[in-house]
């Protein structure tokens, strides 16, 4: 009869250990899935950022006078990337004396929304102004 009491206690301890272990394993698995989703979105944002920069460079240089006035331009992506959007900020670079140079600074940011927060990835580059003739 005394042995039956030990078996019951051993069984209860085993169930508690298994419950705690399975709970920790499930939490770890959930965290890994969340980390993979974040990593996937950063990878997509990186590719979209490269695509947007290539599009800006493909137009030649930045045309400050006509299309790319100093300031901000924004837009979105289509297809599988509808939850991503981009913002391009253009600023003229001035020399030491305060005169505008032939260069502009372009900062492109890709922004996306994850479960409860927005994330963003930014790249800044310097490009020559388009010379109009």
N, C-alpha and C. Protein backbone atom coordinates (compact mmCIF):
# COMPACT_ATOMS: atom_id res chain seq x y z
N UNK A 1 0.81 -1.18 0.00
CA UNK A 1 0.00 0.00 0.00
C UNK A 1 0.86 1.25 0.00
N UNK A 2 1.97 1.20 0.72
CA UNK A 2 2.88 2.33 0.78
C UNK A 2 3.49 2.60 -0.60
N UNK A 3 3.75 1.57 -1.38
CA UNK A 3 4.33 1.72 -2.71
C UNK A 3 3.36 2.44 -3.65
N UNK A 4 2.05 2.23 -3.52
CA UNK A 4 1.06 2.89 -4.37
C UNK A 4 1.11 4.40 -4.18
N UNK A 5 1.36 4.89 -3.00
CA UNK A 5 1.48 6.32 -2.73
C UNK A 5 2.66 6.92 -3.48
N UNK A 6 3.78 6.20 -3.50
CA UNK A 6 4.96 6.68 -4.24
C UNK A 6 4.69 6.73 -5.74
N UNK A 7 3.99 5.74 -6.27
CA UNK A 7 3.69 5.71 -7.71
C UNK A 7 2.81 6.91 -8.08
N UNK A 8 1.83 7.23 -7.23
CA UNK A 8 0.97 8.37 -7.49
C UNK A 8 1.76 9.68 -7.48
N UNK A 9 2.65 9.87 -6.50
CA UNK A 9 3.48 11.07 -6.42
C UNK A 9 4.42 11.16 -7.62
N UNK A 10 5.04 10.04 -7.99
CA UNK A 10 5.93 10.02 -9.15
C UNK A 10 5.18 10.38 -10.43
N UNK A 11 3.95 9.87 -10.56
CA UNK A 11 3.14 10.16 -11.75
C UNK A 11 2.78 11.65 -11.80
N UNK A 12 2.38 12.21 -10.66
CA UNK A 12 2.05 13.63 -10.62
C UNK A 12 3.26 14.50 -10.97
N UNK A 13 4.41 14.17 -10.43
CA UNK A 13 5.63 14.93 -10.73
C UNK A 13 5.96 14.83 -12.22
N UNK A 14 5.81 13.65 -12.80
CA UNK A 14 6.09 13.45 -14.22
C UNK A 14 5.15 14.30 -15.08
N UNK A 15 3.87 14.32 -14.71
CA UNK A 15 2.89 15.12 -15.47
C UNK A 15 3.22 16.60 -15.38
N UNK A 16 3.60 17.08 -14.19
CA UNK A 16 3.96 18.49 -14.03
C UNK A 16 5.19 18.83 -14.85
N UNK A 17 6.20 17.98 -14.82
CA UNK A 17 7.43 18.22 -15.59
C UNK A 17 7.12 18.24 -17.09
N UNK A 18 6.30 17.31 -17.55
CA UNK A 18 5.93 17.28 -18.97
C UNK A 18 5.13 18.52 -19.35
N UNK A 19 4.21 18.94 -18.50
CA UNK A 19 3.40 20.13 -18.80
C UNK A 19 4.28 21.37 -18.91
N UNK A 20 5.21 21.54 -17.97
CA UNK A 20 6.11 22.69 -18.01
C UNK A 20 7.00 22.62 -19.25
N UNK A 21 7.54 21.45 -19.53
CA UNK A 21 8.41 21.28 -20.70
C UNK A 21 7.69 21.55 -22.01
N UNK A 22 6.47 21.04 -22.14
CA UNK A 22 5.71 21.28 -23.37
C UNK A 22 5.32 22.75 -23.51
N UNK A 23 4.99 23.39 -22.39
CA UNK A 23 4.67 24.82 -22.44
C UNK A 23 5.87 25.63 -22.91
N UNK A 24 7.03 25.34 -22.37
CA UNK A 24 8.25 26.05 -22.80
C UNK A 24 8.56 25.79 -24.26
N UNK A 25 8.38 24.54 -24.70
CA UNK A 25 8.66 24.20 -26.10
C UNK A 25 7.70 24.93 -27.03
N UNK A 26 6.43 25.02 -26.68
CA UNK A 26 5.46 25.72 -27.52
C UNK A 26 5.75 27.22 -27.57
N UNK A 27 6.16 27.81 -26.45
CA UNK A 27 6.53 29.23 -26.45
C UNK A 27 7.74 29.48 -27.33
N UNK A 28 8.72 28.59 -27.26
CA UNK A 28 9.92 28.73 -28.09
C UNK A 28 9.56 28.61 -29.57
N UNK A 29 8.67 27.68 -29.90
CA UNK A 29 8.25 27.51 -31.28
C UNK A 29 7.51 28.75 -31.79
N UNK A 30 6.64 29.31 -30.95
CA UNK A 30 5.93 30.54 -31.34
C UNK A 30 6.89 31.69 -31.57
N UNK A 31 7.90 31.80 -30.71
CA UNK A 31 8.89 32.87 -30.88
C UNK A 31 9.69 32.69 -32.16
N UNK A 32 10.03 31.46 -32.49
CA UNK A 32 10.78 31.20 -33.72
C UNK A 32 9.95 31.54 -34.95
N UNK A 33 8.67 31.21 -34.92
CA UNK A 33 7.80 31.53 -36.06
C UNK A 33 7.69 33.04 -36.23
N UNK A 34 7.55 33.76 -35.12
CA UNK A 34 7.49 35.23 -35.17
C UNK A 34 8.79 35.81 -35.73
N UNK A 35 9.93 35.28 -35.27
CA UNK A 35 11.23 35.75 -35.76
C UNK A 35 11.40 35.47 -37.25
N UNK A 36 10.91 34.33 -37.71
CA UNK A 36 10.99 34.01 -39.14
C UNK A 36 10.14 34.97 -39.97
N UNK A 37 8.96 35.33 -39.46
CA UNK A 37 8.10 36.27 -40.18
C UNK A 37 8.77 37.65 -40.27
N UNK A 38 9.37 38.09 -39.17
CA UNK A 38 10.08 39.38 -39.18
C UNK A 38 11.23 39.34 -40.18
N UNK A 39 12.00 38.26 -40.15
CA UNK A 39 13.13 38.11 -41.07
C UNK A 39 12.67 38.11 -42.52
N UNK A 40 11.57 37.41 -42.80
CA UNK A 40 11.04 37.37 -44.17
C UNK A 40 10.63 38.76 -44.63
N UNK A 41 9.98 39.53 -43.75
CA UNK A 41 9.55 40.88 -44.12
C UNK A 41 10.74 41.81 -44.34
N UNK A 42 11.79 41.68 -43.52
CA UNK A 42 13.00 42.49 -43.74
C UNK A 42 13.64 42.14 -45.08
N UNK A 43 13.64 40.87 -45.44
CA UNK A 43 14.20 40.45 -46.72
C UNK A 43 13.39 41.04 -47.88
N UNK A 44 12.05 40.96 -47.78
CA UNK A 44 11.20 41.56 -48.81
C UNK A 44 11.45 43.07 -48.90
N UNK A 45 11.52 43.73 -47.75
CA UNK A 45 11.75 45.18 -47.74
C UNK A 45 13.09 45.52 -48.39
N UNK A 46 14.10 44.70 -48.14
CA UNK A 46 15.42 44.93 -48.74
C UNK A 46 15.35 44.85 -50.26
N UNK A 47 14.65 43.85 -50.78
CA UNK A 47 14.51 43.72 -52.23
C UNK A 47 13.69 44.87 -52.81
N UNK A 48 12.63 45.26 -52.13
CA UNK A 48 11.80 46.37 -52.61
C UNK A 48 12.58 47.68 -52.59
N UNK A 49 13.43 47.85 -51.58
CA UNK A 49 14.26 49.05 -51.48
C UNK A 49 15.25 49.10 -52.64
N UNK A 50 15.89 47.97 -52.94
CA UNK A 50 16.81 47.92 -54.08
C UNK A 50 16.07 48.21 -55.38
N UNK A 51 14.85 47.68 -55.51
CA UNK A 51 14.06 47.91 -56.71
C UNK A 51 13.72 49.39 -56.88
N UNK A 52 13.34 50.04 -55.79
CA UNK A 52 12.98 51.46 -55.85
C UNK A 52 14.21 52.31 -56.17
N UNK A 53 15.36 51.99 -55.57
CA UNK A 53 16.59 52.73 -55.88
C UNK A 53 17.00 52.54 -57.34
N UNK A 54 16.86 51.32 -57.85
CA UNK A 54 17.19 51.07 -59.26
C UNK A 54 16.26 51.85 -60.17
N UNK A 55 15.00 51.94 -59.78
CA UNK A 55 14.04 52.72 -60.57
C UNK A 55 14.42 54.20 -60.58
N UNK A 56 14.85 54.72 -59.45
CA UNK A 56 15.26 56.12 -59.37
C UNK A 56 16.51 56.35 -60.23
N UNK A 57 17.47 55.44 -60.14
CA UNK A 57 18.69 55.58 -60.92
C UNK A 57 18.43 55.39 -62.41
N UNK A 58 17.46 54.53 -62.75
CA UNK A 58 17.15 54.26 -64.16
C UNK A 58 16.62 55.51 -64.87
N UNK A 59 15.93 56.35 -64.12
CA UNK A 59 15.40 57.57 -64.71
C UNK A 59 16.53 58.54 -65.06
N UNK A 60 17.74 58.11 -64.89
CA UNK A 60 18.89 58.99 -65.10
C UNK A 60 19.26 59.54 -63.75
N UNK A 61 19.45 60.79 -63.67
CA UNK A 61 19.69 61.41 -62.39
C UNK A 61 18.37 61.98 -61.90
N UNK A 62 18.34 62.48 -60.72
CA UNK A 62 17.13 63.07 -60.17
C UNK A 62 16.87 64.41 -60.86
N UNK A 63 15.68 64.60 -61.38
CA UNK A 63 15.31 65.85 -62.02
C UNK A 63 14.61 66.72 -60.98
N UNK A 64 15.37 67.55 -60.30
CA UNK A 64 14.85 68.38 -59.22
C UNK A 64 13.82 69.38 -59.75
N UNK A 65 14.08 69.94 -60.93
CA UNK A 65 13.22 71.00 -61.44
C UNK A 65 11.83 70.47 -61.79
N UNK A 66 11.74 69.33 -62.43
CA UNK A 66 10.45 68.86 -62.93
C UNK A 66 9.79 67.87 -61.98
N UNK A 67 10.26 66.64 -61.96
CA UNK A 67 9.55 65.57 -61.27
C UNK A 67 9.91 65.46 -59.79
N UNK A 68 11.16 65.57 -59.44
CA UNK A 68 11.61 65.27 -58.08
C UNK A 68 11.97 66.54 -57.34
N UNK A 69 11.03 67.42 -57.18
CA UNK A 69 11.31 68.65 -56.44
C UNK A 69 11.81 68.28 -55.05
N UNK A 70 12.58 69.19 -54.48
CA UNK A 70 13.10 68.94 -53.13
C UNK A 70 11.91 68.72 -52.20
N UNK A 71 11.96 67.66 -51.47
CA UNK A 71 10.87 67.32 -50.57
C UNK A 71 10.66 65.82 -50.51
N UNK A 72 9.39 65.41 -50.48
CA UNK A 72 9.06 64.01 -50.27
C UNK A 72 8.15 63.49 -51.36
N UNK A 73 8.41 62.26 -51.79
CA UNK A 73 7.57 61.56 -52.75
C UNK A 73 7.29 60.20 -52.12
N UNK A 74 6.07 59.71 -52.25
CA UNK A 74 5.76 58.41 -51.65
C UNK A 74 4.85 57.60 -52.56
N UNK A 75 4.75 56.34 -52.25
CA UNK A 75 3.90 55.45 -53.04
C UNK A 75 3.82 54.09 -52.39
N UNK A 76 3.18 53.19 -53.08
CA UNK A 76 3.02 51.83 -52.55
C UNK A 76 3.49 50.81 -53.57
N UNK A 77 3.42 49.56 -53.17
CA UNK A 77 3.78 48.45 -54.05
C UNK A 77 2.52 47.64 -54.33
N UNK A 78 2.53 46.89 -55.41
CA UNK A 78 1.33 46.12 -55.76
C UNK A 78 1.60 44.62 -55.60
N UNK A 79 0.56 43.86 -55.81
CA UNK A 79 0.68 42.41 -55.76
C UNK A 79 0.84 41.89 -54.34
N UNK A 80 1.82 41.02 -54.17
CA UNK A 80 2.05 40.40 -52.86
C UNK A 80 2.60 41.38 -51.83
N UNK A 81 2.97 42.56 -52.27
CA UNK A 81 3.64 43.52 -51.37
C UNK A 81 2.76 44.74 -51.07
N UNK A 82 1.46 44.55 -51.07
CA UNK A 82 0.55 45.67 -50.83
C UNK A 82 0.67 46.26 -49.43
N UNK A 83 1.17 45.47 -48.47
CA UNK A 83 1.32 46.00 -47.11
C UNK A 83 2.64 46.77 -46.94
N UNK A 84 3.41 46.90 -48.01
CA UNK A 84 4.64 47.69 -47.99
C UNK A 84 4.39 49.01 -48.71
N UNK A 85 5.01 50.08 -48.23
CA UNK A 85 4.96 51.37 -48.92
C UNK A 85 6.34 52.00 -48.86
N UNK A 86 6.56 53.02 -49.68
CA UNK A 86 7.87 53.66 -49.72
C UNK A 86 7.73 55.17 -49.65
N UNK A 87 8.79 55.79 -49.15
CA UNK A 87 8.91 57.25 -49.09
C UNK A 87 10.31 57.61 -49.55
N UNK A 88 10.42 58.57 -50.47
CA UNK A 88 11.72 59.07 -50.92
C UNK A 88 11.81 60.54 -50.54
N UNK A 89 12.84 60.89 -49.80
CA UNK A 89 13.06 62.28 -49.42
C UNK A 89 14.26 62.80 -50.19
N UNK A 90 14.08 63.93 -50.85
CA UNK A 90 15.13 64.52 -51.68
C UNK A 90 15.54 65.85 -51.07
N UNK A 91 16.85 66.03 -50.87
CA UNK A 91 17.37 67.29 -50.35
C UNK A 91 18.57 67.72 -51.19
N UNK A 92 18.61 68.99 -51.53
CA UNK A 92 19.76 69.53 -52.25
C UNK A 92 20.92 69.65 -51.27
N UNK A 93 22.12 69.33 -51.72
CA UNK A 93 23.31 69.46 -50.88
C UNK A 93 23.95 70.82 -51.16
N UNK A 94 24.25 71.52 -50.10
CA UNK A 94 24.84 72.85 -50.21
C UNK A 94 26.32 72.80 -49.84
N UNK A 95 27.10 73.69 -50.45
CA UNK A 95 28.52 73.76 -50.11
C UNK A 95 28.71 74.58 -48.83
N UNK A 96 29.98 74.82 -48.47
CA UNK A 96 30.29 75.53 -47.22
C UNK A 96 29.76 76.96 -47.21
N UNK A 97 29.66 77.55 -48.38
CA UNK A 97 29.19 78.93 -48.46
C UNK A 97 27.67 79.03 -48.58
N UNK A 98 26.98 77.91 -48.54
CA UNK A 98 25.52 77.92 -48.62
C UNK A 98 24.96 77.91 -50.02
N UNK A 99 25.82 77.70 -51.01
CA UNK A 99 25.36 77.65 -52.40
C UNK A 99 24.97 76.20 -52.74
N UNK A 100 23.90 76.02 -53.52
CA UNK A 100 23.50 74.66 -53.90
C UNK A 100 24.54 74.02 -54.83
N UNK A 101 24.81 72.76 -54.59
CA UNK A 101 25.74 72.02 -55.45
C UNK A 101 24.95 71.29 -56.52
N UNK A 102 25.64 70.52 -57.31
CA UNK A 102 25.00 69.72 -58.35
C UNK A 102 24.61 68.34 -57.81
N UNK A 103 24.56 68.19 -56.49
CA UNK A 103 24.26 66.90 -55.88
C UNK A 103 23.00 66.98 -55.02
N UNK A 104 22.29 65.87 -54.94
CA UNK A 104 21.13 65.76 -54.05
C UNK A 104 21.30 64.50 -53.19
N UNK A 105 20.77 64.59 -52.01
CA UNK A 105 20.74 63.43 -51.12
C UNK A 105 19.35 62.81 -51.21
N UNK A 106 19.29 61.51 -51.51
CA UNK A 106 18.02 60.81 -51.63
C UNK A 106 17.97 59.74 -50.55
N UNK A 107 16.96 59.83 -49.69
CA UNK A 107 16.75 58.83 -48.64
C UNK A 107 15.47 58.07 -48.99
N UNK A 108 15.60 56.77 -49.24
CA UNK A 108 14.45 55.94 -49.57
C UNK A 108 14.16 55.03 -48.39
N UNK A 109 12.91 55.03 -47.94
CA UNK A 109 12.49 54.20 -46.81
C UNK A 109 11.35 53.31 -47.25
N UNK A 110 11.45 52.03 -46.92
CA UNK A 110 10.35 51.09 -47.13
C UNK A 110 9.75 50.81 -45.76
N UNK A 111 8.43 50.95 -45.66
CA UNK A 111 7.72 50.80 -44.39
C UNK A 111 6.67 49.70 -44.54
N UNK A 112 6.54 48.86 -43.53
CA UNK A 112 5.51 47.84 -43.54
C UNK A 112 4.96 47.66 -42.13
N UNK A 113 3.77 47.12 -42.05
CA UNK A 113 3.11 46.92 -40.77
C UNK A 113 3.16 45.45 -40.42
N UNK A 114 3.66 45.19 -39.23
CA UNK A 114 3.57 43.84 -38.67
C UNK A 114 2.49 43.87 -37.61
N UNK A 115 2.29 42.80 -36.93
CA UNK A 115 1.15 42.63 -36.06
C UNK A 115 0.75 43.89 -35.30
N UNK A 116 1.60 44.41 -34.45
CA UNK A 116 1.23 45.57 -33.64
C UNK A 116 2.13 46.77 -33.82
N UNK A 117 3.04 46.74 -34.80
CA UNK A 117 3.94 47.88 -34.98
C UNK A 117 4.39 48.01 -36.42
N UNK A 118 4.83 49.21 -36.75
CA UNK A 118 5.39 49.45 -38.07
C UNK A 118 6.89 49.28 -38.01
N UNK A 119 7.44 48.72 -39.05
CA UNK A 119 8.88 48.58 -39.18
C UNK A 119 9.31 49.29 -40.44
N UNK A 120 10.59 49.66 -40.51
CA UNK A 120 11.06 50.37 -41.70
C UNK A 120 12.52 50.06 -41.96
N UNK A 121 12.90 50.22 -43.21
CA UNK A 121 14.27 50.02 -43.66
C UNK A 121 14.61 51.21 -44.56
N UNK A 122 15.75 51.87 -44.29
CA UNK A 122 16.10 53.10 -45.01
C UNK A 122 17.49 53.00 -45.61
N UNK A 123 17.63 53.59 -46.80
CA UNK A 123 18.94 53.72 -47.44
C UNK A 123 19.08 55.15 -47.91
N UNK A 124 20.25 55.73 -47.72
CA UNK A 124 20.52 57.11 -48.13
C UNK A 124 21.64 57.07 -49.17
N UNK A 125 21.43 57.79 -50.27
CA UNK A 125 22.45 57.86 -51.32
C UNK A 125 22.55 59.29 -51.83
N UNK A 126 23.66 59.58 -52.48
CA UNK A 126 23.87 60.90 -53.06
C UNK A 126 23.94 60.72 -54.58
N UNK A 127 23.19 61.57 -55.29
CA UNK A 127 23.12 61.47 -56.73
C UNK A 127 23.30 62.85 -57.36
N UNK A 128 23.76 62.90 -58.60
CA UNK A 128 23.85 64.20 -59.30
C UNK A 128 22.49 64.64 -59.78
N UNK A 129 22.28 65.95 -59.83
CA UNK A 129 21.06 66.50 -60.41
C UNK A 129 21.10 66.27 -61.89
N UNK A 130 19.92 66.17 -62.46
CA UNK A 130 19.83 66.06 -63.92
C UNK A 130 20.16 67.43 -64.50
N UNK A 131 21.05 67.44 -65.45
CA UNK A 131 21.42 68.70 -66.09
C UNK A 131 20.50 68.92 -67.27
N UNK A 132 19.75 70.01 -67.23
CA UNK A 132 18.83 70.31 -68.32
C UNK A 132 19.53 71.20 -69.34
N UNK A 133 19.27 70.90 -70.60
CA UNK A 133 19.93 71.71 -71.63
C UNK A 133 18.93 72.38 -72.53
